[in-house]
PDB file of all heavy atoms in Angstrom:
ATOM      1  N   MET A   1       6.132   4.558   4.117  1.00  0.00           N
ATOM      2  CA  MET A   1       7.031   3.700   4.907  1.00  0.00           C
ATOM      3  C   MET A   1       6.336   3.320   6.341  1.00  0.00           C
ATOM      4  O   MET A   1       6.852   2.467   6.964  1.00  0.00           O
ATOM      5  CB  MET A   1       8.271   4.525   5.255  1.00  0.00           C
ATOM      6  CG  MET A   1       9.235   4.535   3.981  1.00  0.00           C
ATOM      7  SD  MET A   1      10.859   5.359   4.339  1.00  0.00           S
ATOM      8  CE  MET A   1      10.313   7.122   4.565  1.00  0.00           C
ATOM      9  N   ASN A   2       5.248   4.061   6.611  1.00  0.00           N
ATOM     10  CA  ASN A   2       4.524   3.705   7.777  1.00  0.00           C
ATOM     11  C   ASN A   2       3.224   2.958   7.561  1.00  0.00           C
ATOM     12  O   ASN A   2       2.349   2.921   8.411  1.00  0.00           O
ATOM     13  CB  ASN A   2       4.149   4.981   8.578  1.00  0.00           C
ATOM     14  CG  ASN A   2       5.425   5.415   9.437  1.00  0.00           C
ATOM     15  OD1 ASN A   2       5.627   4.924  10.566  1.00  0.00           O
ATOM     16  ND2 ASN A   2       6.094   6.398   8.856  1.00  0.00           N
ATOM     17  N   GLY A   3       3.188   2.349   6.338  1.00  0.00           N
ATOM     18  CA  GLY A   3       2.048   1.420   6.015  1.00  0.00           C
ATOM     19  C   GLY A   3       0.875   1.985   5.325  1.00  0.00           C
ATOM     20  O   GLY A   3      -0.082   1.160   5.137  1.00  0.00           O
ATOM     21  N   ALA A   4       0.934   3.236   4.947  1.00  0.00           N
ATOM     22  CA  ALA A   4      -0.313   3.801   4.261  1.00  0.00           C
ATOM     23  C   ALA A   4      -0.377   3.250   2.850  1.00  0.00           C
ATOM     24  O   ALA A   4       0.704   3.006   2.163  1.00  0.00           O
ATOM     25  CB  ALA A   4      -0.174   5.408   4.151  1.00  0.00           C
ATOM     26  N   SER A   5      -1.577   2.994   2.346  1.00  0.00           N
ATOM     27  CA  SER A   5      -1.780   2.494   0.984  1.00  0.00           C
ATOM     28  C   SER A   5      -1.669   3.636   0.046  1.00  0.00           C
ATOM     29  O   SER A   5      -1.711   4.808   0.399  1.00  0.00           O
ATOM     30  CB  SER A   5      -3.129   1.922   0.827  1.00  0.00           C
ATOM     31  OG  SER A   5      -4.216   2.872   0.969  1.00  0.00           O
ATOM     32  N   LEU A   6      -1.495   3.355  -1.259  1.00  0.00           N
ATOM     33  CA  LEU A   6      -1.373   4.414  -2.264  1.00  0.00           C
ATOM     34  C   LEU A   6      -2.648   5.216  -2.318  1.00  0.00           C
ATOM     35  O   LEU A   6      -2.596   6.472  -2.599  1.00  0.00           O
ATOM     36  CB  LEU A   6      -1.054   3.792  -3.613  1.00  0.00           C
ATOM     37  CG  LEU A   6       0.316   3.098  -3.766  1.00  0.00           C
ATOM     38  CD1 LEU A   6       0.548   2.600  -5.212  1.00  0.00           C
ATOM     39  CD2 LEU A   6       1.442   4.019  -3.319  1.00  0.00           C
ATOM     40  N   ALA A   7      -3.809   4.596  -2.106  1.00  0.00           N
ATOM     41  CA  ALA A   7      -5.035   5.235  -2.097  1.00  0.00           C
ATOM     42  C   ALA A   7      -5.186   6.347  -0.977  1.00  0.00           C
ATOM     43  O   ALA A   7      -5.610   7.380  -1.116  1.00  0.00           O
ATOM     44  CB  ALA A   7      -6.295   4.378  -2.060  1.00  0.00           C
ATOM     45  N   GLU A   8      -4.618   5.903   0.110  1.00  0.00           N
ATOM     46  CA  GLU A   8      -4.595   6.766   1.329  1.00  0.00           C
ATOM     47  C   GLU A   8      -3.663   7.970   1.158  1.00  0.00           C
ATOM     48  O   GLU A   8      -3.938   9.048   1.439  1.00  0.00           O
ATOM     49  CB  GLU A   8      -4.213   5.953   2.553  1.00  0.00           C
ATOM     50  CG  GLU A   8      -5.267   4.961   3.053  1.00  0.00           C
ATOM     51  CD  GLU A   8      -4.829   4.011   4.108  1.00  0.00           C
ATOM     52  OE1 GLU A   8      -3.514   3.754   4.126  1.00  0.00           O
ATOM     53  OE2 GLU A   8      -5.658   3.504   4.839  1.00  0.00           O
ATOM     54  N   ILE A   9      -2.452   7.697   0.573  1.00  0.00           N
ATOM     55  CA  ILE A   9      -1.514   8.759   0.215  1.00  0.00           C
ATOM     56  C   ILE A   9      -2.106   9.761  -0.774  1.00  0.00           C
ATOM     57  O   ILE A   9      -2.024  10.957  -0.589  1.00  0.00           O
ATOM     58  CB  ILE A   9      -0.164   8.181  -0.366  1.00  0.00           C
ATOM     59  CG1 ILE A   9       0.437   7.287   0.722  1.00  0.00           C
ATOM     60  CG2 ILE A   9       0.648   9.251  -0.809  1.00  0.00           C
ATOM     61  CD1 ILE A   9       1.647   6.531   0.201  1.00  0.00           C
ATOM     62  N   ALA A  10      -2.761   9.222  -1.782  1.00  0.00           N
ATOM     63  CA  ALA A  10      -3.392  10.080  -2.723  1.00  0.00           C
ATOM     64  C   ALA A  10      -4.416  10.988  -2.180  1.00  0.00           C
ATOM     65  O   ALA A  10      -4.612  12.202  -2.466  1.00  0.00           O
ATOM     66  CB  ALA A  10      -4.026   9.194  -3.875  1.00  0.00           C
ATOM     67  N   GLU A  11      -5.239  10.446  -1.172  1.00  0.00           N
ATOM     68  CA  GLU A  11      -6.217  11.252  -0.508  1.00  0.00           C
ATOM     69  C   GLU A  11      -5.624  12.283   0.331  1.00  0.00           C
ATOM     70  O   GLU A  11      -6.120  13.475   0.331  1.00  0.00           O
ATOM     71  CB  GLU A  11      -7.102  10.332   0.410  1.00  0.00           C
ATOM     72  CG  GLU A  11      -8.272  10.987   1.055  1.00  0.00           C
ATOM     73  CD  GLU A  11      -9.192  10.076   1.777  1.00  0.00           C
ATOM     74  OE1 GLU A  11      -8.992   8.895   1.771  1.00  0.00           O
ATOM     75  OE2 GLU A  11     -10.189  10.596   2.365  1.00  0.00           O
ATOM     76  N   VAL A  12      -4.557  11.970   0.997  1.00  0.00           N
ATOM     77  CA  VAL A  12      -3.906  13.052   1.961  1.00  0.00           C
ATOM     78  C   VAL A  12      -3.319  14.090   1.016  1.00  0.00           C
ATOM     79  O   VAL A  12      -3.468  15.313   1.298  1.00  0.00           O
ATOM     80  CB  VAL A  12      -2.748  12.391   2.683  1.00  0.00           C
ATOM     81  CG1 VAL A  12      -1.859  13.447   3.418  1.00  0.00           C
ATOM     82  CG2 VAL A  12      -3.311  11.418   3.745  1.00  0.00           C
ATOM     83  N   LEU A  13      -2.664  13.779  -0.178  1.00  0.00           N
ATOM     84  CA  LEU A  13      -2.087  14.820  -0.978  1.00  0.00           C
ATOM     85  C   LEU A  13      -2.983  15.516  -1.854  1.00  0.00           C
ATOM     86  O   LEU A  13      -2.652  16.561  -2.441  1.00  0.00           O
ATOM     87  CB  LEU A  13      -0.929  14.068  -1.794  1.00  0.00           C
ATOM     88  CG  LEU A  13       0.191  13.463  -1.109  1.00  0.00           C
ATOM     89  CD1 LEU A  13       1.289  12.961  -2.052  1.00  0.00           C
ATOM     90  CD2 LEU A  13       0.816  14.374  -0.113  1.00  0.00           C
ATOM     91  N   GLY A  14      -4.211  14.971  -2.003  1.00  0.00           N
ATOM     92  CA  GLY A  14      -5.248  15.648  -2.858  1.00  0.00           C
ATOM     93  C   GLY A  14      -5.129  15.262  -4.346  1.00  0.00           C
ATOM     94  O   GLY A  14      -5.463  16.080  -5.187  1.00  0.00           O
ATOM     95  N   HIS A  15      -4.658  14.038  -4.627  1.00  0.00           N
ATOM     96  CA  HIS A  15      -4.598  13.501  -5.967  1.00  0.00           C
ATOM     97  C   HIS A  15      -5.819  12.866  -6.380  1.00  0.00           C
ATOM     98  O   HIS A  15      -6.362  12.064  -5.563  1.00  0.00           O
ATOM     99  CB  HIS A  15      -3.380  12.675  -6.291  1.00  0.00           C
ATOM    100  CG  HIS A  15      -2.004  13.407  -6.132  1.00  0.00           C
ATOM    101  ND1 HIS A  15      -1.714  14.517  -6.937  1.00  0.00           N
ATOM    102  CD2 HIS A  15      -0.987  13.185  -5.411  1.00  0.00           C
ATOM    103  CE1 HIS A  15      -0.481  14.878  -6.587  1.00  0.00           C
ATOM    104  NE2 HIS A  15      -0.037  14.059  -5.728  1.00  0.00           N
ATOM    105  N   LYS A  16      -6.292  13.054  -7.608  1.00  0.00           N
ATOM    106  CA  LYS A  16      -7.558  12.376  -8.087  1.00  0.00           C
ATOM    107  C   LYS A  16      -7.336  10.926  -8.467  1.00  0.00           C
ATOM    108  O   LYS A  16      -8.242  10.109  -8.319  1.00  0.00           O
ATOM    109  CB  LYS A  16      -8.149  13.115  -9.203  1.00  0.00           C
ATOM    110  CG  LYS A  16      -8.773  14.490  -8.853  1.00  0.00           C
ATOM    111  CD  LYS A  16      -9.392  15.094 -10.110  1.00  0.00           C
ATOM    112  CE  LYS A  16     -10.067  16.444  -9.821  1.00  0.00           C
ATOM    113  NZ  LYS A  16     -10.748  17.008 -11.022  1.00  0.00           N
ATOM    114  N   THR A  17      -6.085  10.571  -8.916  1.00  0.00           N
ATOM    115  CA  THR A  17      -5.766   9.276  -9.297  1.00  0.00           C
ATOM    116  C   THR A  17      -4.534   8.757  -8.652  1.00  0.00           C
ATOM    117  O   THR A  17      -3.811   9.563  -7.948  1.00  0.00           O
ATOM    118  CB  THR A  17      -5.505   9.186 -10.855  1.00  0.00           C
ATOM    119  OG1 THR A  17      -4.328  10.085 -11.178  1.00  0.00           O
ATOM    120  CG2 THR A  17      -6.744   9.897 -11.641  1.00  0.00           C
ATOM    121  N   LEU A  18      -4.345   7.473  -8.764  1.00  0.00           N
ATOM    122  CA  LEU A  18      -3.175   6.888  -8.052  1.00  0.00           C
ATOM    123  C   LEU A  18      -1.884   7.053  -8.878  1.00  0.00           C
ATOM    124  O   LEU A  18      -0.760   6.788  -8.347  1.00  0.00           O
ATOM    125  CB  LEU A  18      -3.418   5.404  -7.891  1.00  0.00           C
ATOM    126  CG  LEU A  18      -4.568   4.959  -6.946  1.00  0.00           C
ATOM    127  CD1 LEU A  18      -4.656   3.471  -6.859  1.00  0.00           C
ATOM    128  CD2 LEU A  18      -4.470   5.598  -5.604  1.00  0.00           C
ATOM    129  N   SER A  19      -1.962   7.474 -10.105  1.00  0.00           N
ATOM    130  CA  SER A  19      -0.838   7.603 -11.006  1.00  0.00           C
ATOM    131  C   SER A  19       0.289   8.517 -10.458  1.00  0.00           C
ATOM    132  O   SER A  19       1.406   8.186 -10.543  1.00  0.00           O
ATOM    133  CB  SER A  19      -1.167   8.092 -12.420  1.00  0.00           C
ATOM    134  OG  SER A  19      -1.745   9.334 -12.328  1.00  0.00           O
ATOM    135  N   MET A  20      -0.134   9.533  -9.770  1.00  0.00           N
ATOM    136  CA  MET A  20       0.804  10.491  -9.193  1.00  0.00           C
ATOM    137  C   MET A  20       1.563   9.996  -8.038  1.00  0.00           C
ATOM    138  O   MET A  20       2.619  10.453  -7.658  1.00  0.00           O
ATOM    139  CB  MET A  20       0.064  11.805  -8.864  1.00  0.00           C
ATOM    140  CG  MET A  20      -0.363  12.631 -10.085  1.00  0.00           C
ATOM    141  SD  MET A  20       0.989  13.183 -11.051  1.00  0.00           S
ATOM    142  CE  MET A  20       1.758  14.425  -9.982  1.00  0.00           C
ATOM    143  N   VAL A  21       0.999   8.983  -7.312  1.00  0.00           N
ATOM    144  CA  VAL A  21       1.653   8.497  -6.053  1.00  0.00           C
ATOM    145  C   VAL A  21       2.313   7.161  -6.257  1.00  0.00           C
ATOM    146  O   VAL A  21       2.901   6.654  -5.289  1.00  0.00           O
ATOM    147  CB  VAL A  21       0.559   8.369  -4.902  1.00  0.00           C
ATOM    148  CG1 VAL A  21       0.079   9.778  -4.548  1.00  0.00           C
ATOM    149  CG2 VAL A  21      -0.542   7.416  -5.289  1.00  0.00           C
ATOM    150  N   LYS A  22       2.264   6.652  -7.507  1.00  0.00           N
ATOM    151  CA  LYS A  22       2.938   5.390  -7.699  1.00  0.00           C
ATOM    152  C   LYS A  22       4.521   5.401  -7.436  1.00  0.00           C
ATOM    153  O   LYS A  22       5.115   4.418  -7.278  1.00  0.00           O
ATOM    154  CB  LYS A  22       2.606   4.822  -9.123  1.00  0.00           C
ATOM    155  CG  LYS A  22       1.269   4.241  -9.252  1.00  0.00           C
ATOM    156  CD  LYS A  22       0.924   3.689 -10.637  1.00  0.00           C
ATOM    157  CE  LYS A  22      -0.424   3.074 -10.658  1.00  0.00           C
ATOM    158  NZ  LYS A  22      -0.627   2.527 -12.038  1.00  0.00           N
ATOM    159  N   ARG A  23       5.001   6.647  -7.633  1.00  0.00           N
ATOM    160  CA  ARG A  23       6.418   6.831  -7.388  1.00  0.00           C
ATOM    161  C   ARG A  23       6.864   6.525  -5.999  1.00  0.00           C
ATOM    162  O   ARG A  23       8.090   6.174  -5.653  1.00  0.00           O
ATOM    163  CB  ARG A  23       6.810   8.232  -7.618  1.00  0.00           C
ATOM    164  CG  ARG A  23       6.373   9.218  -6.610  1.00  0.00           C
ATOM    165  CD  ARG A  23       6.674  10.684  -6.946  1.00  0.00           C
ATOM    166  NE  ARG A  23       5.818  11.201  -7.978  1.00  0.00           N
ATOM    167  CZ  ARG A  23       5.892  12.500  -8.389  1.00  0.00           C
ATOM    168  NH1 ARG A  23       6.793  13.332  -7.837  1.00  0.00           N
ATOM    169  NH2 ARG A  23       5.148  12.869  -9.424  1.00  0.00           N
ATOM    170  N   TYR A  24       5.843   6.341  -5.077  1.00  0.00           N
ATOM    171  CA  TYR A  24       6.249   6.033  -3.681  1.00  0.00           C
ATOM    172  C   TYR A  24       5.960   4.525  -3.319  1.00  0.00           C
ATOM    173  O   TYR A  24       6.131   4.110  -2.185  1.00  0.00           O
ATOM    174  CB  TYR A  24       5.469   6.887  -2.641  1.00  0.00           C
ATOM    175  CG  TYR A  24       5.454   8.372  -2.949  1.00  0.00           C
ATOM    176  CD1 TYR A  24       4.367   9.012  -3.476  1.00  0.00           C
ATOM    177  CD2 TYR A  24       6.640   9.142  -2.667  1.00  0.00           C
ATOM    178  CE1 TYR A  24       4.491  10.373  -3.787  1.00  0.00           C
ATOM    179  CE2 TYR A  24       6.638  10.441  -3.051  1.00  0.00           C
ATOM    180  CZ  TYR A  24       5.535  11.118  -3.570  1.00  0.00           C
ATOM    181  OH  TYR A  24       5.607  12.362  -3.867  1.00  0.00           O
ATOM    182  N   ALA A  25       5.573   3.846  -4.351  1.00  0.00           N
ATOM    183  CA  ALA A  25       5.128   2.419  -4.105  1.00  0.00           C
ATOM    184  C   ALA A  25       6.300   1.510  -3.543  1.00  0.00           C
ATOM    185  O   ALA A  25       5.998   0.692  -2.770  1.00  0.00           O
ATOM    186  CB  ALA A  25       4.613   1.753  -5.451  1.00  0.00           C
ATOM    187  N   HIS A  26       7.522   1.779  -4.011  1.00  0.00           N
ATOM    188  CA  HIS A  26       8.583   0.986  -3.506  1.00  0.00           C
ATOM    189  C   HIS A  26       8.801   1.093  -2.059  1.00  0.00           C
ATOM    190  O   HIS A  26       9.470   0.252  -1.444  1.00  0.00           O
ATOM    191  CB  HIS A  26       9.902   1.324  -4.379  1.00  0.00           C
ATOM    192  CG  HIS A  26      10.425   2.693  -4.116  1.00  0.00           C
ATOM    193  ND1 HIS A  26       9.781   3.852  -4.609  1.00  0.00           N
ATOM    194  CD2 HIS A  26      11.535   3.130  -3.409  1.00  0.00           C
ATOM    195  CE1 HIS A  26      10.479   4.877  -4.236  1.00  0.00           C
ATOM    196  NE2 HIS A  26      11.475   4.488  -3.507  1.00  0.00           N
ATOM    197  N   LEU A  27       8.436   2.264  -1.496  1.00  0.00           N
ATOM    198  CA  LEU A  27       8.670   2.499  -0.150  1.00  0.00           C
ATOM    199  C   LEU A  27       7.775   1.735   0.761  1.00  0.00           C
ATOM    200  O   LEU A  27       7.936   1.682   2.037  1.00  0.00           O
ATOM    201  CB  LEU A  27       8.557   4.080   0.179  1.00  0.00           C
ATOM    202  CG  LEU A  27       9.590   4.990  -0.575  1.00  0.00           C
ATOM    203  CD1 LEU A  27       9.236   6.338  -0.318  1.00  0.00           C
ATOM    204  CD2 LEU A  27      11.007   4.728  -0.157  1.00  0.00           C
ATOM    205  N   SER A  28       6.670   1.290   0.185  1.00  0.00           N
ATOM    206  CA  SER A  28       5.685   0.580   0.984  1.00  0.00           C
ATOM    207  C   SER A  28       5.639  -0.947   0.687  1.00  0.00           C
ATOM    208  O   SER A  28       4.736  -1.634   0.966  1.00  0.00           O
ATOM    209  CB  SER A  28       4.200   1.057   0.726  1.00  0.00           C
ATOM    210  OG  SER A  28       3.870   0.987  -0.675  1.00  0.00           O
ATOM    211  N   ASP A  29       6.781  -1.371   0.037  1.00  0.00           N
ATOM    212  CA  ASP A  29       6.906  -2.869  -0.275  1.00  0.00           C
ATOM    213  C   ASP A  29       6.743  -3.745   0.946  1.00  0.00           C
ATOM    214  O   ASP A  29       6.101  -4.789   0.866  1.00  0.00           O
ATOM    215  CB  ASP A  29       8.136  -3.116  -1.029  1.00  0.00           C
ATOM    216  CG  ASP A  29       8.222  -2.598  -2.389  1.00  0.00           C
ATOM    217  OD1 ASP A  29       7.167  -2.290  -2.981  1.00  0.00           O
ATOM    218  OD2 ASP A  29       9.337  -2.538  -2.993  1.00  0.00           O
ATOM    219  N   GLY A  30       7.340  -3.307   2.029  1.00  0.00           N
ATOM    220  CA  GLY A  30       7.167  -4.103   3.318  1.00  0.00           C
ATOM    221  C   GLY A  30       5.766  -4.228   3.719  1.00  0.00           C
ATOM    222  O   GLY A  30       5.300  -5.260   4.087  1.00  0.00           O
ATOM    223  N   HIS A  31       5.036  -3.144   3.641  1.00  0.00           N
ATOM    224  CA  HIS A  31       3.532  -3.155   4.006  1.00  0.00           C
ATOM    225  C   HIS A  31       2.828  -4.093   3.118  1.00  0.00           C
ATOM    226  O   HIS A  31       2.051  -4.884   3.522  1.00  0.00           O
ATOM    227  CB  HIS A  31       3.098  -1.689   3.857  1.00  0.00           C
ATOM    228  CG  HIS A  31       1.578  -1.677   4.129  1.00  0.00           C
ATOM    229  ND1 HIS A  31       0.882  -2.042   5.242  1.00  0.00           N
ATOM    230  CD2 HIS A  31       0.532  -1.249   3.212  1.00  0.00           C
ATOM    231  CE1 HIS A  31      -0.348  -1.795   5.164  1.00  0.00           C
ATOM    232  NE2 HIS A  31      -0.668  -1.379   3.944  1.00  0.00           N
ATOM    233  N   VAL A  32       3.100  -3.992   1.863  1.00  0.00           N
ATOM    234  CA  VAL A  32       2.448  -4.973   0.884  1.00  0.00           C
ATOM    235  C   VAL A  32       2.754  -6.368   1.167  1.00  0.00           C
ATOM    236  O   VAL A  32       1.862  -7.239   1.177  1.00  0.00           O
ATOM    237  CB  VAL A  32       2.747  -4.619  -0.617  1.00  0.00           C
ATOM    238  CG1 VAL A  32       2.177  -5.590  -1.546  1.00  0.00           C
ATOM    239  CG2 VAL A  32       2.292  -3.203  -0.931  1.00  0.00           C
ATOM    240  N   SER A  33       4.019  -6.595   1.438  1.00  0.00           N
ATOM    241  CA  SER A  33       4.411  -8.017   1.822  1.00  0.00           C
ATOM    242  C   SER A  33       3.642  -8.523   2.996  1.00  0.00           C
ATOM    243  O   SER A  33       3.159  -9.661   3.122  1.00  0.00           O
ATOM    244  CB  SER A  33       5.858  -8.163   2.047  1.00  0.00           C
ATOM    245  OG  SER A  33       6.508  -7.746   0.831  1.00  0.00           O
ATOM    246  N   ASN A  34       3.399  -7.688   4.024  1.00  0.00           N
ATOM    247  CA  ASN A  34       2.777  -8.032   5.254  1.00  0.00           C
ATOM    248  C   ASN A  34       1.239  -8.386   4.976  1.00  0.00           C
ATOM    249  O   ASN A  34       0.626  -9.251   5.525  1.00  0.00           O
ATOM    250  CB  ASN A  34       2.788  -6.928   6.289  1.00  0.00           C
ATOM    251  CG  ASN A  34       4.252  -6.798   6.795  1.00  0.00           C
ATOM    252  OD1 ASN A  34       5.062  -7.798   6.822  1.00  0.00           O
ATOM    253  ND2 ASN A  34       4.622  -5.587   7.285  1.00  0.00           N
ATOM    254  N   VAL A  35       0.674  -7.554   4.122  1.00  0.00           N
ATOM    255  CA  VAL A  35      -0.765  -7.775   3.669  1.00  0.00           C
ATOM    256  C   VAL A  35      -0.826  -9.069   2.951  1.00  0.00           C
ATOM    257  O   VAL A  35      -1.853  -9.880   3.327  1.00  0.00           O
ATOM    258  CB  VAL A  35      -1.223  -6.596   2.772  1.00  0.00           C
ATOM    259  CG1 VAL A  35      -2.601  -6.860   2.195  1.00  0.00           C
ATOM    260  CG2 VAL A  35      -1.285  -5.318   3.532  1.00  0.00           C
ATOM    261  N   VAL A  36       0.014  -9.396   2.061  1.00  0.00           N
ATOM    262  CA  VAL A  36      -0.041 -10.614   1.310  1.00  0.00           C
ATOM    263  C   VAL A  36       0.181 -11.825   2.358  1.00  0.00           C
ATOM    264  O   VAL A  36      -0.540 -12.845   2.279  1.00  0.00           O
ATOM    265  CB  VAL A  36       0.984 -10.724   0.248  1.00  0.00           C
ATOM    266  CG1 VAL A  36       1.008 -12.049  -0.417  1.00  0.00           C
ATOM    267  CG2 VAL A  36       0.675  -9.659  -0.800  1.00  0.00           C
ATOM    268  N   ALA A  37       1.112 -11.719   3.237  1.00  0.00           N
ATOM    269  CA  ALA A  37       1.411 -12.722   4.246  1.00  0.00           C
ATOM    270  C   ALA A  37       0.167 -12.956   5.072  1.00  0.00           C
ATOM    271  O   ALA A  37      -0.108 -14.124   5.410  1.00  0.00           O
ATOM    272  CB  ALA A  37       2.634 -12.299   5.032  1.00  0.00           C
ATOM    273  N   SER A  38      -0.388 -11.853   5.498  1.00  0.00           N
ATOM    274  CA  SER A  38      -1.622 -11.966   6.393  1.00  0.00           C
ATOM    275  C   SER A  38      -2.742 -12.726   5.687  1.00  0.00           C
ATOM    276  O   SER A  38      -3.433 -13.607   6.265  1.00  0.00           O
ATOM    277  CB  SER A  38      -2.026 -10.634   6.836  1.00  0.00           C
ATOM    278  OG  SER A  38      -3.281 -10.693   7.595  1.00  0.00           O
ATOM    279  N   MET A  39      -2.947 -12.349   4.383  1.00  0.00           N
ATOM    280  CA  MET A  39      -3.966 -13.005   3.697  1.00  0.00           C
ATOM    281  C   MET A  39      -3.761 -14.551   3.488  1.00  0.00           C
ATOM    282  O   MET A  39      -4.624 -15.320   3.664  1.00  0.00           O
ATOM    283  CB  MET A  39      -4.109 -12.281   2.244  1.00  0.00           C
ATOM    284  CG  MET A  39      -5.157 -12.946   1.319  1.00  0.00           C
ATOM    285  SD  MET A  39      -4.420 -14.316   0.236  1.00  0.00           S
ATOM    286  CE  MET A  39      -3.351 -13.360  -0.754  1.00  0.00           C
ATOM    287  N   ASN A  40      -2.444 -14.876   3.223  1.00  0.00           N
ATOM    288  CA  ASN A  40      -2.153 -16.175   3.032  1.00  0.00           C
ATOM    289  C   ASN A  40      -2.360 -17.049   4.356  1.00  0.00           C
ATOM    290  O   ASN A  40      -2.871 -18.167   4.317  1.00  0.00           O
ATOM    291  CB  ASN A  40      -0.701 -16.454   2.534  1.00  0.00           C
ATOM    292  CG  ASN A  40      -0.586 -16.259   1.041  1.00  0.00           C
ATOM    293  OD1 ASN A  40      -0.712 -17.252   0.288  1.00  0.00           O
ATOM    294  ND2 ASN A  40      -0.385 -15.052   0.609  1.00  0.00           N
ATOM    295  N   ALA A  41      -1.922 -16.376   5.434  1.00  0.00           N
ATOM    296  CA  ALA A  41      -2.116 -17.040   6.721  1.00  0.00           C
ATOM    297  C   ALA A  41      -3.500 -17.336   7.115  1.00  0.00           C
ATOM    298  O   ALA A  41      -3.960 -18.435   7.641  1.00  0.00           O
ATOM    299  CB  ALA A  41      -1.552 -16.194   7.891  1.00  0.00           C
ATOM    300  N   LYS A  42      -4.450 -16.402   6.686  1.00  0.00           N
ATOM    301  CA  LYS A  42      -5.860 -16.571   7.058  1.00  0.00           C
ATOM    302  C   LYS A  42      -6.527 -17.655   6.148  1.00  0.00           C
ATOM    303  O   LYS A  42      -7.337 -18.381   6.478  1.00  0.00           O
ATOM    304  CB  LYS A  42      -6.557 -15.215   6.866  1.00  0.00           C
ATOM    305  CG  LYS A  42      -6.220 -14.203   7.995  1.00  0.00           C
ATOM    306  CD  LYS A  42      -6.998 -12.933   7.753  1.00  0.00           C
ATOM    307  CE  LYS A  42      -6.645 -11.941   8.878  1.00  0.00           C
ATOM    308  NZ  LYS A  42      -7.313 -10.644   8.698  1.00  0.00           N
ATOM    309  N   ILE A  43      -6.062 -17.685   4.893  1.00  0.00           N
ATOM    310  CA  ILE A  43      -6.682 -18.675   3.906  1.00  0.00           C
ATOM    311  C   ILE A  43      -6.118 -19.988   4.035  1.00  0.00           C
ATOM    312  O   ILE A  43      -6.922 -21.008   4.183  1.00  0.00           O
ATOM    313  CB  ILE A  43      -6.434 -18.151   2.455  1.00  0.00           C
ATOM    314  CG1 ILE A  43      -7.086 -16.840   2.238  1.00  0.00           C
ATOM    315  CG2 ILE A  43      -6.807 -19.242   1.466  1.00  0.00           C
ATOM    316  CD1 ILE A  43      -6.913 -16.316   0.796  1.00  0.00           C
ATOM    317  N   PHE A  44      -4.857 -20.130   4.203  1.00  0.00           N
ATOM    318  CA  PHE A  44      -4.279 -21.436   4.236  1.00  0.00           C
ATOM    319  C   PHE A  44      -3.822 -21.977   5.569  1.00  0.00           C
ATOM    320  O   PHE A  44      -3.495 -23.147   5.867  1.00  0.00           O
ATOM    321  CB  PHE A  44      -2.998 -21.569   3.309  1.00  0.00           C
ATOM    322  CG  PHE A  44      -3.342 -21.085   1.915  1.00  0.00           C
ATOM    323  CD1 PHE A  44      -2.874 -19.941   1.437  1.00  0.00           C
ATOM    324  CD2 PHE A  44      -4.122 -21.866   1.063  1.00  0.00           C
ATOM    325  CE1 PHE A  44      -3.044 -19.619   0.069  1.00  0.00           C
ATOM    326  CE2 PHE A  44      -4.359 -21.521  -0.222  1.00  0.00           C
ATOM    327  CZ  PHE A  44      -3.875 -20.349  -0.731  1.00  0.00           C
ATOM    328  N   GLY A  45      -3.753 -20.955   6.538  1.00  0.00           N
ATOM    329  CA  GLY A  45      -3.504 -21.388   7.901  1.00  0.00           C
ATOM    330  C   GLY A  45      -2.088 -22.094   7.964  1.00  0.00           C
ATOM    331  O   GLY A  45      -1.077 -21.629   7.442  1.00  0.00           O
TER     332      GLY A  45
END
C-alpha cells in the first residue's frame, strides 16, 4: 500500500519467487496505475 513492488516485497519477506507475494498485488494497484500514468506522460507528453 506504500508503493513497494512485488519484487521488493519478496526480498523483504525472503521469498525466492514472486508467486508467494502475488496475493498482495491488489493492494498495490494504485502504485501500478501511477507507474503506468508516469510512463505514458513521458512517452506521449
